PDB file of N, CA and C in Angstrom:
ATOM      1  N   MET A   1     -41.365  -3.550 -14.922  1.00  0.00           N
ATOM      2  CA  MET A   1     -41.314  -3.089 -13.555  1.00  0.00           C
ATOM      3  C   MET A   1     -39.979  -3.452 -12.896  1.00  0.00           C
ATOM      4  N   ALA A   2     -39.551  -4.683 -13.084  1.00  0.00           N
ATOM      5  CA  ALA A   2     -38.297  -5.134 -12.477  1.00  0.00           C
ATOM      6  C   ALA A   2     -37.106  -4.377 -13.046  1.00  0.00           C
ATOM      7  N   GLN A   3     -37.170  -4.048 -14.335  1.00  0.00           N
ATOM      8  CA  GLN A   3     -36.069  -3.314 -14.958  1.00  0.00           C
ATOM      9  C   GLN A   3     -36.001  -1.887 -14.417  1.00  0.00           C
ATOM     10  N   GLU A   4     -37.146  -1.275 -14.168  1.00  0.00           N
ATOM     11  CA  GLU A   4     -37.165   0.067 -13.602  1.00  0.00           C
ATOM     12  C   GLU A   4     -36.554   0.080 -12.204  1.00  0.00           C
ATOM     13  N   LEU A   5     -36.841  -0.934 -11.419  1.00  0.00           N
ATOM     14  CA  LEU A   5     -36.270  -1.021 -10.083  1.00  0.00           C
ATOM     15  C   LEU A   5     -34.763  -1.195 -10.135  1.00  0.00           C
ATOM     16  N   SER A   6     -34.287  -1.989 -11.070  1.00  0.00           N
ATOM     17  CA  SER A   6     -32.843  -2.188 -11.162  1.00  0.00           C
ATOM     18  C   SER A   6     -32.149  -0.905 -11.623  1.00  0.00           C
ATOM     19  N   GLU A   7     -32.792  -0.139 -12.504  1.00  0.00           N
ATOM     20  CA  GLU A   7     -32.210   1.136 -12.934  1.00  0.00           C
ATOM     21  C   GLU A   7     -32.142   2.117 -11.772  1.00  0.00           C
ATOM     22  N   VAL A   8     -33.183   2.168 -10.987  1.00  0.00           N
ATOM     23  CA  VAL A   8     -33.199   3.044  -9.822  1.00  0.00           C
ATOM     24  C   VAL A   8     -32.130   2.604  -8.826  1.00  0.00           C
ATOM     25  N   PHE A   9     -32.012   1.304  -8.618  1.00  0.00           N
ATOM     26  CA  PHE A   9     -31.010   0.781  -7.691  1.00  0.00           C
ATOM     27  C   PHE A   9     -29.602   1.142  -8.149  1.00  0.00           C
ATOM     28  N   TYR A  10     -29.306   0.932  -9.427  1.00  0.00           N
ATOM     29  CA  TYR A  10     -27.961   1.231  -9.926  1.00  0.00           C
ATOM     30  C   TYR A  10     -27.668   2.733  -9.895  1.00  0.00           C
ATOM     31  N   THR A  11     -28.665   3.547 -10.177  1.00  0.00           N
ATOM     32  CA  THR A  11     -28.484   4.997 -10.083  1.00  0.00           C
ATOM     33  C   THR A  11     -28.190   5.399  -8.644  1.00  0.00           C
ATOM     34  N   PHE A  12     -28.929   4.841  -7.701  1.00  0.00           N
ATOM     35  CA  PHE A  12     -28.697   5.120  -6.294  1.00  0.00           C
ATOM     36  C   PHE A  12     -27.315   4.647  -5.865  1.00  0.00           C
ATOM     37  N   LEU A  13     -26.927   3.460  -6.294  1.00  0.00           N
ATOM     38  CA  LEU A  13     -25.639   2.887  -5.921  1.00  0.00           C
ATOM     39  C   LEU A  13     -24.482   3.744  -6.448  1.00  0.00           C
ATOM     40  N   ILE A  14     -24.553   4.124  -7.698  1.00  0.00           N
ATOM     41  CA  ILE A  14     -23.482   4.937  -8.290  1.00  0.00           C
ATOM     42  C   ILE A  14     -23.412   6.299  -7.622  1.00  0.00           C
ATOM     43  N   THR A  15     -24.555   6.920  -7.382  1.00  0.00           N
ATOM     44  CA  THR A  15     -24.584   8.225  -6.728  1.00  0.00           C
ATOM     45  C   THR A  15     -24.012   8.141  -5.313  1.00  0.00           C
ATOM     46  N   SER A  16     -24.347   7.090  -4.598  1.00  0.00           N
ATOM     47  CA  SER A  16     -23.837   6.923  -3.239  1.00  0.00           C
ATOM     48  C   SER A  16     -22.329   6.715  -3.221  1.00  0.00           C
ATOM     49  N   VAL A  17     -21.821   5.912  -4.145  1.00  0.00           N
ATOM     50  CA  VAL A  17     -20.378   5.653  -4.206  1.00  0.00           C
ATOM     51  C   VAL A  17     -19.618   6.931  -4.555  1.00  0.00           C
ATOM     52  N   VAL A  18     -20.115   7.689  -5.515  1.00  0.00           N
ATOM     53  CA  VAL A  18     -19.455   8.945  -5.882  1.00  0.00           C
ATOM     54  C   VAL A  18     -19.493   9.926  -4.720  1.00  0.00           C
ATOM     55  N   GLY A  19     -20.615  10.024  -4.024  1.00  0.00           N
ATOM     56  CA  GLY A  19     -20.711  10.896  -2.860  1.00  0.00           C
ATOM     57  C   GLY A  19     -19.750  10.489  -1.759  1.00  0.00           C
ATOM     58  N   PHE A  20     -19.610   9.184  -1.547  1.00  0.00           N
ATOM     59  CA  PHE A  20     -18.677   8.682  -0.539  1.00  0.00           C
ATOM     60  C   PHE A  20     -17.240   9.026  -0.906  1.00  0.00           C
ATOM     61  N   ILE A  21     -16.888   8.869  -2.170  1.00  0.00           N
ATOM     62  CA  ILE A  21     -15.525   9.189  -2.611  1.00  0.00           C
ATOM     63  C   ILE A  21     -15.243  10.671  -2.455  1.00  0.00           C
ATOM     64  N   LEU A  22     -16.203  11.517  -2.807  1.00  0.00           N
ATOM     65  CA  LEU A  22     -16.015  12.965  -2.650  1.00  0.00           C
ATOM     66  C   LEU A  22     -15.887  13.354  -1.177  1.00  0.00           C
ATOM     67  N   ALA A  23     -16.702  12.761  -0.323  1.00  0.00           N
ATOM     68  CA  ALA A  23     -16.617  13.053   1.114  1.00  0.00           C
ATOM     69  C   ALA A  23     -15.284  12.579   1.680  1.00  0.00           C
ATOM     70  N   LEU A  24     -14.818  11.437   1.246  1.00  0.00           N
ATOM     71  CA  LEU A  24     -13.527  10.915   1.692  1.00  0.00           C
ATOM     72  C   LEU A  24     -12.388  11.834   1.249  1.00  0.00           C
ATOM     73  N   GLY A  25     -12.483  12.335   0.026  1.00  0.00           N
ATOM     74  CA  GLY A  25     -11.466  13.278  -0.461  1.00  0.00           C
ATOM     75  C   GLY A  25     -11.457  14.565   0.341  1.00  0.00           C
ATOM     76  N   ARG A  26     -12.626  15.053   0.694  1.00  0.00           N
ATOM     77  CA  ARG A  26     -12.709  16.280   1.490  1.00  0.00           C
ATOM     78  C   ARG A  26     -12.117  16.073   2.884  1.00  0.00           C
ATOM     79  N   ILE A  27     -12.409  14.931   3.478  1.00  0.00           N
ATOM     80  CA  ILE A  27     -11.863  14.621   4.801  1.00  0.00           C
ATOM     81  C   ILE A  27     -10.347  14.511   4.742  1.00  0.00           C
ATOM     82  N   CYS A  28      -9.849  13.856   3.699  1.00  0.00           N
ATOM     83  CA  CYS A  28      -8.389  13.718   3.556  1.00  0.00           C
ATOM     84  C   CYS A  28      -7.727  15.078   3.370  1.00  0.00           C
ATOM     85  N   TYR A  29      -8.355  15.965   2.615  1.00  0.00           N
ATOM     86  CA  TYR A  29      -7.774  17.286   2.404  1.00  0.00           C
ATOM     87  C   TYR A  29      -7.740  18.082   3.701  1.00  0.00           C
ATOM     88  N   LYS A  30      -8.800  18.035   4.465  1.00  0.00           N
ATOM     89  CA  LYS A  30      -8.872  18.805   5.698  1.00  0.00           C
ATOM     90  C   LYS A  30      -8.065  18.196   6.829  1.00  0.00           C
ATOM     91  N   SER A  31      -7.642  16.950   6.707  1.00  0.00           N
ATOM     92  CA  SER A  31      -6.922  16.291   7.786  1.00  0.00           C
ATOM     93  C   SER A  31      -5.534  16.883   8.002  1.00  0.00           C
ATOM     94  N   LYS A  32      -4.921  17.404   6.960  1.00  0.00           N
ATOM     95  CA  LYS A  32      -3.590  18.006   7.008  1.00  0.00           C
ATOM     96  C   LYS A  32      -2.512  17.014   7.436  1.00  0.00           C
ATOM     97  N   CYS A  33      -2.734  15.741   7.160  1.00  0.00           N
ATOM     98  CA  CYS A  33      -1.693  14.734   7.390  1.00  0.00           C
ATOM     99  C   CYS A  33      -0.692  14.818   6.245  1.00  0.00           C
ATOM    100  N   SER A  34       0.571  14.706   6.554  1.00  0.00           N
ATOM    101  CA  SER A  34       1.579  14.803   5.501  1.00  0.00           C
ATOM    102  C   SER A  34       1.808  13.470   4.802  1.00  0.00           C
ATOM    103  N   SER A  35       1.376  12.368   5.427  1.00  0.00           N
ATOM    104  CA  SER A  35       1.551  11.052   4.825  1.00  0.00           C
ATOM    105  C   SER A  35       0.334  10.189   5.127  1.00  0.00           C
ATOM    106  N   ILE A  36      -0.198   9.537   4.092  1.00  0.00           N
ATOM    107  CA  ILE A  36      -1.367   8.684   4.231  1.00  0.00           C
ATOM    108  C   ILE A  36      -1.036   7.325   3.633  1.00  0.00           C
ATOM    109  N   ASP A  37      -1.233   6.254   4.398  1.00  0.00           N
ATOM    110  CA  ASP A  37      -1.057   4.886   3.918  1.00  0.00           C
ATOM    111  C   ASP A  37      -2.403   4.186   3.979  1.00  0.00           C
ATOM    112  N   PHE A  38      -2.858   3.696   2.827  1.00  0.00           N
ATOM    113  CA  PHE A  38      -4.129   3.000   2.757  1.00  0.00           C
ATOM    114  C   PHE A  38      -3.973   1.812   1.823  1.00  0.00           C
ATOM    115  N   CYS A  39      -4.080   0.618   2.391  1.00  0.00           N
ATOM    116  CA  CYS A  39      -3.831  -0.631   1.648  1.00  0.00           C
ATOM    117  C   CYS A  39      -2.449  -0.562   1.016  1.00  0.00           C
ATOM    118  N   CYS A  40      -2.379  -0.622  -0.303  1.00  0.00           N
ATOM    119  CA  CYS A  40      -1.080  -0.559  -0.975  1.00  0.00           C
ATOM    120  C   CYS A  40      -0.821   0.833  -1.554  1.00  0.00           C
ATOM    121  N   LEU A  41      -1.625   1.810  -1.171  1.00  0.00           N
ATOM    122  CA  LEU A  41      -1.509   3.171  -1.676  1.00  0.00           C
ATOM    123  C   LEU A  41      -0.845   4.055  -0.625  1.00  0.00           C
ATOM    124  N   LYS A  42       0.211   4.770  -1.010  1.00  0.00           N
ATOM    125  CA  LYS A  42       0.890   5.678  -0.094  1.00  0.00           C
ATOM    126  C   LYS A  42       0.921   7.065  -0.730  1.00  0.00           C
ATOM    127  N   ILE A  43       0.440   8.045   0.006  1.00  0.00           N
ATOM    128  CA  ILE A  43       0.385   9.423  -0.485  1.00  0.00           C
ATOM    129  C   ILE A  43       1.191  10.291   0.465  1.00  0.00           C
ATOM    130  N   VAL A  44       2.146  11.032  -0.092  1.00  0.00           N
ATOM    131  CA  VAL A  44       2.940  11.983   0.678  1.00  0.00           C
ATOM    132  C   VAL A  44       2.703  13.346   0.040  1.00  0.00           C
ATOM    133  N   ARG A  45       2.367  14.327   0.872  1.00  0.00           N
ATOM    134  CA  ARG A  45       2.075  15.657   0.323  1.00  0.00           C
ATOM    135  C   ARG A  45       2.679  16.742   1.192  1.00  0.00           C
ATOM    136  N   ASN A  46       2.829  17.923   0.594  1.00  0.00           N
ATOM    137  CA  ASN A  46       3.385  19.083   1.278  1.00  0.00           C
ATOM    138  C   ASN A  46       2.232  19.855   1.914  1.00  0.00           C
ATOM    139  N   VAL A  47       2.060  19.697   3.194  1.00  0.00           N
ATOM    140  CA  VAL A  47       0.932  20.294   3.903  1.00  0.00           C
ATOM    141  C   VAL A  47       1.149  21.787   4.129  1.00  0.00           C
ATOM    142  N   ASP A  48       2.397  22.226   4.240  1.00  0.00           N
ATOM    143  CA  ASP A  48       2.686  23.642   4.493  1.00  0.00           C
ATOM    144  C   ASP A  48       2.129  24.530   3.393  1.00  0.00           C
ATOM    145  N   VAL A  49       2.286  24.122   2.151  1.00  0.00           N
ATOM    146  CA  VAL A  49       1.787  24.916   1.025  1.00  0.00           C
ATOM    147  C   VAL A  49       0.267  24.986   1.072  1.00  0.00           C
ATOM    148  N   GLU A  50      -0.387  23.863   1.361  1.00  0.00           N
ATOM    149  CA  GLU A  50      -1.847  23.851   1.433  1.00  0.00           C
ATOM    150  C   GLU A  50      -2.352  24.738   2.568  1.00  0.00           C
ATOM    151  N   MET A  51      -1.656  24.735   3.701  1.00  0.00           N
ATOM    152  CA  MET A  51      -2.080  25.572   4.827  1.00  0.00           C
ATOM    153  C   MET A  51      -1.947  27.049   4.476  1.00  0.00           C
ATOM    154  N   LYS A  52      -0.871  27.419   3.781  1.00  0.00           N
ATOM    155  CA  LYS A  52      -0.689  28.816   3.370  1.00  0.00           C
ATOM    156  C   LYS A  52      -1.806  29.227   2.418  1.00  0.00           C
ATOM    157  N   GLU A  53      -2.160  28.356   1.478  1.00  0.00           N
ATOM    158  CA  GLU A  53      -3.238  28.670   0.537  1.00  0.00           C
ATOM    159  C   GLU A  53      -4.576  28.811   1.259  1.00  0.00           C
ATOM    160  N   ASP A  54      -4.832  27.943   2.243  1.00  0.00           N
ATOM    161  CA  ASP A  54      -6.075  28.036   3.010  1.00  0.00           C
ATOM    162  C   ASP A  54      -6.149  29.337   3.793  1.00  0.00           C
ATOM    163  N   ILE A  55      -5.037  29.754   4.379  1.00  0.00           N
ATOM    164  CA  ILE A  55      -4.997  31.008   5.137  1.00  0.00           C
ATOM    165  C   ILE A  55      -5.231  32.193   4.206  1.00  0.00           C
ATOM    166  N   GLU A  56      -4.585  32.181   3.034  1.00  0.00           N
ATOM    167  CA  GLU A  56      -4.778  33.266   2.074  1.00  0.00           C
ATOM    168  C   GLU A  56      -6.229  33.328   1.602  1.00  0.00           C
ATOM    169  N   LEU A  57      -6.835  32.174   1.366  1.00  0.00           N
ATOM    170  CA  LEU A  57      -8.224  32.136   0.930  1.00  0.00           C
ATOM    171  C   LEU A  57      -9.151  32.661   2.019  1.00  0.00           C
ATOM    172  N   ALA A  58      -8.893  32.278   3.261  1.00  0.00           N
ATOM    173  CA  ALA A  58      -9.712  32.759   4.376  1.00  0.00           C
ATOM    174  C   ALA A  58      -9.570  34.269   4.532  1.00  0.00           C
ATOM    175  N   ASN A  59      -8.353  34.790   4.404  1.00  0.00           N
ATOM    176  CA  ASN A  59      -8.138  36.232   4.532  1.00  0.00           C
ATOM    177  C   ASN A  59      -8.817  36.987   3.401  1.00  0.00           C
ATOM    178  N   SER A  60      -8.767  36.460   2.194  1.00  0.00           N
ATOM    179  CA  SER A  60      -9.398  37.160   1.074  1.00  0.00           C
ATOM    180  C   SER A  60     -10.918  37.152   1.206  1.00  0.00           C
ATOM    181  N   SER A  61     -11.490  36.073   1.742  1.00  0.00           N
ATOM    182  CA  SER A  61     -12.942  36.051   1.926  1.00  0.00           C
ATOM    183  C   SER A  61     -13.365  37.012   3.041  1.00  0.00           C
ATOM    184  N   LYS A  62     -12.527  37.163   4.085  1.00  0.00           N
ATOM    185  CA  LYS A  62     -12.838  38.132   5.146  1.00  0.00           C
ATOM    186  C   LYS A  62     -12.755  39.550   4.604  1.00  0.00           C
ATOM    187  N   ASP A  63     -11.767  39.825   3.746  1.00  0.00           N
ATOM    188  CA  ASP A  63     -11.650  41.148   3.141  1.00  0.00           C
ATOM    189  C   ASP A  63     -12.866  41.458   2.283  1.00  0.00           C
ATOM    190  N   ASP A  64     -13.344  40.457   1.534  1.00  0.00           N
ATOM    191  CA  ASP A  64     -14.526  40.650   0.701  1.00  0.00           C
ATOM    192  C   ASP A  64     -15.758  40.943   1.554  1.00  0.00           C
ATOM    193  N   GLU A  65     -15.899  40.255   2.696  1.00  0.00           N
ATOM    194  CA  GLU A  65     -17.027  40.491   3.581  1.00  0.00           C
ATOM    195  C   GLU A  65     -16.961  41.897   4.171  1.00  0.00           C
ATOM    196  N   ASN A  66     -15.771  42.338   4.566  1.00  0.00           N
ATOM    197  CA  ASN A  66     -15.612  43.666   5.156  1.00  0.00           C
ATOM    198  C   ASN A  66     -15.938  44.748   4.141  1.00  0.00           C
ATOM    199  N   GLN A  67     -15.544  44.550   2.890  1.00  0.00           N
ATOM    200  CA  GLN A  67     -15.806  45.552   1.868  1.00  0.00           C
ATOM    201  C   GLN A  67     -17.291  45.602   1.528  1.00  0.00           C
ATOM    202  N   SER A  68     -17.972  44.475   1.571  1.00  0.00           N
ATOM    203  CA  SER A  68     -19.391  44.467   1.253  1.00  0.00           C
ATOM    204  C   SER A  68     -20.225  45.122   2.356  1.00  0.00           C
ATOM    205  N   LYS A  69     -19.719  45.147   3.597  1.00  0.00           N
ATOM    206  CA  LYS A  69     -20.436  45.771   4.706  1.00  0.00           C
ATOM    207  C   LYS A  69     -20.328  47.289   4.670  1.00  0.00           C
ATOM    208  N   LYS A  70     -19.304  47.812   4.003  1.00  0.00           N
ATOM    209  CA  LYS A  70     -19.086  49.273   3.975  1.00  0.00           C
ATOM    210  C   LYS A  70     -20.043  49.964   3.065  1.00  0.00           C
TER     211      LYS A  70
END
């Protein structure tokens, strides 16, 4: 019984940590900050390219919706 509880606990813990990391990554992507400093980690990225890709993706999905309505 105790071993089953520990397995459930570890499964829950790992799933929660992975979900938190994925949510954090999504927030960082949508933030559009060009520079992020966290502890000893520094990330610099080109936000202009990502914004252009997001706009192109949004336009292509709108075109797909318009074509499906016709």
